[in-house]
Structure formats: C-alpha cells, structure tokens
N, C-alpha and C. Protein backbone atom coordinates (compact mmCIF):
# COMPACT_ATOMS: atom_id res chain seq x y z
N MET A 1 19.74 -108.85 37.40
CA MET A 1 18.58 -108.72 38.27
C MET A 1 17.76 -110.01 38.18
N SER A 2 17.33 -110.47 39.33
CA SER A 2 16.59 -111.72 39.34
C SER A 2 15.16 -111.49 38.83
N ASN A 3 14.52 -112.58 38.49
CA ASN A 3 13.19 -112.49 37.91
C ASN A 3 12.18 -111.91 38.90
N SER A 4 12.25 -112.30 40.17
CA SER A 4 11.29 -111.80 41.15
C SER A 4 11.49 -110.31 41.40
N THR A 5 12.73 -109.86 41.40
CA THR A 5 13.00 -108.43 41.58
C THR A 5 12.46 -107.64 40.40
N TYR A 6 12.65 -108.19 39.21
CA TYR A 6 12.13 -107.53 38.00
C TYR A 6 10.60 -107.45 38.04
N ASN A 7 9.96 -108.55 38.45
CA ASN A 7 8.49 -108.55 38.54
C ASN A 7 8.00 -107.54 39.56
N PHE A 8 8.70 -107.45 40.68
CA PHE A 8 8.32 -106.48 41.71
C PHE A 8 8.48 -105.05 41.18
N THR A 9 9.57 -104.80 40.46
CA THR A 9 9.80 -103.47 39.90
C THR A 9 8.72 -103.10 38.89
N VAL A 10 8.35 -104.05 38.04
CA VAL A 10 7.29 -103.79 37.06
C VAL A 10 5.97 -103.53 37.76
N ALA A 11 5.66 -104.31 38.79
CA ALA A 11 4.41 -104.12 39.53
C ALA A 11 4.40 -102.77 40.24
N LEU A 12 5.52 -102.40 40.82
CA LEU A 12 5.61 -101.11 41.50
C LEU A 12 5.44 -99.96 40.51
N GLY A 13 6.07 -100.09 39.34
CA GLY A 13 5.91 -99.06 38.32
C GLY A 13 4.48 -98.95 37.84
N ALA A 14 3.81 -100.08 37.66
CA ALA A 14 2.41 -100.06 37.23
C ALA A 14 1.53 -99.41 38.30
N ALA A 15 1.82 -99.68 39.57
CA ALA A 15 1.05 -99.08 40.65
C ALA A 15 1.24 -97.57 40.68
N VAL A 16 2.45 -97.12 40.49
CA VAL A 16 2.72 -95.68 40.48
C VAL A 16 1.99 -95.01 39.32
N VAL A 17 2.03 -95.64 38.14
CA VAL A 17 1.33 -95.09 36.98
C VAL A 17 -0.18 -95.03 37.26
N ALA A 18 -0.73 -96.06 37.86
CA ALA A 18 -2.16 -96.08 38.16
C ALA A 18 -2.52 -94.97 39.13
N ILE A 19 -1.71 -94.76 40.15
CA ILE A 19 -1.97 -93.69 41.12
C ILE A 19 -1.90 -92.33 40.45
N VAL A 20 -0.89 -92.12 39.62
CA VAL A 20 -0.75 -90.83 38.94
C VAL A 20 -1.94 -90.56 38.03
N LEU A 21 -2.38 -91.59 37.29
CA LEU A 21 -3.53 -91.41 36.40
C LEU A 21 -4.80 -91.13 37.19
N THR A 22 -4.96 -91.79 38.33
CA THR A 22 -6.14 -91.56 39.17
C THR A 22 -6.15 -90.12 39.69
N VAL A 23 -5.01 -89.65 40.17
CA VAL A 23 -4.94 -88.28 40.67
C VAL A 23 -5.19 -87.29 39.54
N ALA A 24 -4.61 -87.55 38.37
CA ALA A 24 -4.80 -86.64 37.24
C ALA A 24 -6.26 -86.58 36.80
N SER A 25 -6.92 -87.72 36.77
CA SER A 25 -8.33 -87.72 36.37
C SER A 25 -9.19 -87.05 37.43
N SER A 26 -8.85 -87.20 38.70
CA SER A 26 -9.59 -86.52 39.76
C SER A 26 -9.44 -85.01 39.64
N VAL A 27 -8.22 -84.56 39.38
CA VAL A 27 -7.99 -83.12 39.22
C VAL A 27 -8.75 -82.60 38.01
N ALA A 28 -8.73 -83.35 36.91
CA ALA A 28 -9.45 -82.93 35.70
C ALA A 28 -10.95 -82.87 35.97
N PHE A 29 -11.47 -83.84 36.72
CA PHE A 29 -12.90 -83.85 37.02
C PHE A 29 -13.28 -82.67 37.89
N VAL A 30 -12.49 -82.38 38.91
CA VAL A 30 -12.80 -81.27 39.81
C VAL A 30 -12.73 -79.96 39.05
N SER A 31 -11.73 -79.78 38.21
CA SER A 31 -11.62 -78.52 37.48
C SER A 31 -12.75 -78.39 36.46
N SER A 32 -13.16 -79.48 35.84
CA SER A 32 -14.25 -79.38 34.86
C SER A 32 -15.57 -79.10 35.55
N THR A 33 -15.79 -79.67 36.73
CA THR A 33 -17.05 -79.38 37.42
C THR A 33 -17.06 -77.95 37.94
N SER A 34 -15.92 -77.41 38.35
CA SER A 34 -15.91 -76.02 38.81
C SER A 34 -16.13 -75.08 37.63
N VAL A 35 -15.61 -75.42 36.46
CA VAL A 35 -15.87 -74.60 35.27
C VAL A 35 -17.36 -74.67 34.92
N ALA A 36 -17.95 -75.85 35.00
CA ALA A 36 -19.37 -75.98 34.71
C ALA A 36 -20.20 -75.20 35.72
N ARG A 37 -19.79 -75.19 36.97
CA ARG A 37 -20.53 -74.45 37.99
C ARG A 37 -20.47 -72.95 37.70
N VAL A 38 -19.31 -72.46 37.27
CA VAL A 38 -19.19 -71.04 36.93
C VAL A 38 -20.08 -70.73 35.74
N ALA A 39 -20.14 -71.63 34.75
CA ALA A 39 -20.97 -71.40 33.58
C ALA A 39 -22.45 -71.38 33.95
N VAL A 40 -22.84 -72.19 34.92
CA VAL A 40 -24.24 -72.21 35.37
C VAL A 40 -24.55 -70.98 36.21
N ASP A 41 -23.61 -70.56 37.04
CA ASP A 41 -23.85 -69.42 37.94
C ASP A 41 -23.74 -68.09 37.23
N ALA A 42 -23.05 -68.03 36.11
CA ALA A 42 -22.80 -66.75 35.45
C ALA A 42 -24.08 -66.00 35.07
N PRO A 43 -25.07 -66.64 34.44
CA PRO A 43 -26.28 -65.89 34.09
C PRO A 43 -26.99 -65.30 35.32
N GLN A 44 -27.02 -66.06 36.40
CA GLN A 44 -27.65 -65.56 37.62
C GLN A 44 -26.88 -64.35 38.17
N SER A 45 -25.58 -64.41 38.12
CA SER A 45 -24.76 -63.29 38.59
C SER A 45 -24.98 -62.07 37.72
N ILE A 46 -25.10 -62.29 36.42
CA ILE A 46 -25.34 -61.17 35.51
C ILE A 46 -26.69 -60.52 35.81
N HIS A 47 -27.72 -61.32 36.05
CA HIS A 47 -29.04 -60.78 36.36
C HIS A 47 -29.01 -60.01 37.68
N LEU A 48 -28.30 -60.53 38.66
CA LEU A 48 -28.22 -59.83 39.94
C LEU A 48 -27.49 -58.50 39.79
N ALA A 49 -26.43 -58.52 39.00
CA ALA A 49 -25.67 -57.28 38.77
C ALA A 49 -26.51 -56.27 38.00
N ALA A 50 -27.28 -56.74 37.03
CA ALA A 50 -28.10 -55.83 36.22
C ALA A 50 -29.25 -55.26 37.04
N ALA A 51 -29.71 -56.01 38.04
CA ALA A 51 -30.84 -55.55 38.84
C ALA A 51 -30.44 -54.44 39.80
N LYS A 52 -29.17 -54.36 40.12
CA LYS A 52 -28.71 -53.35 41.10
C LYS A 52 -28.62 -51.97 40.47
C-alpha cells in the first residue's frame, strides 16, 4: 500500500472514530438530561397525585 493511501485510510478511520464519539456523547447527554428532568418533575407529580 502506498504512503498516500495509508494516510488517507488513517484519516478516514480517525474521522469515523470522531463521528462515533460525537454521536455517543450526544446520546449520553440527551439521556442524562431526560433523567434529570424526570428527577426534577417527580416531586411535583407526587404532590399532584397526593392532592387528588
């Protein structure tokens, strides 16, 4: 394999890894914020349920 082909392959692999890590961190952020939202909303839901 020539040097330029090898460099292109390494660059492509690095780009794929960067994209995968970005998507994974976005998914982790969205899931953590939805968990935090449930934790914040839970006391209000409990009070509403207790009031009925």
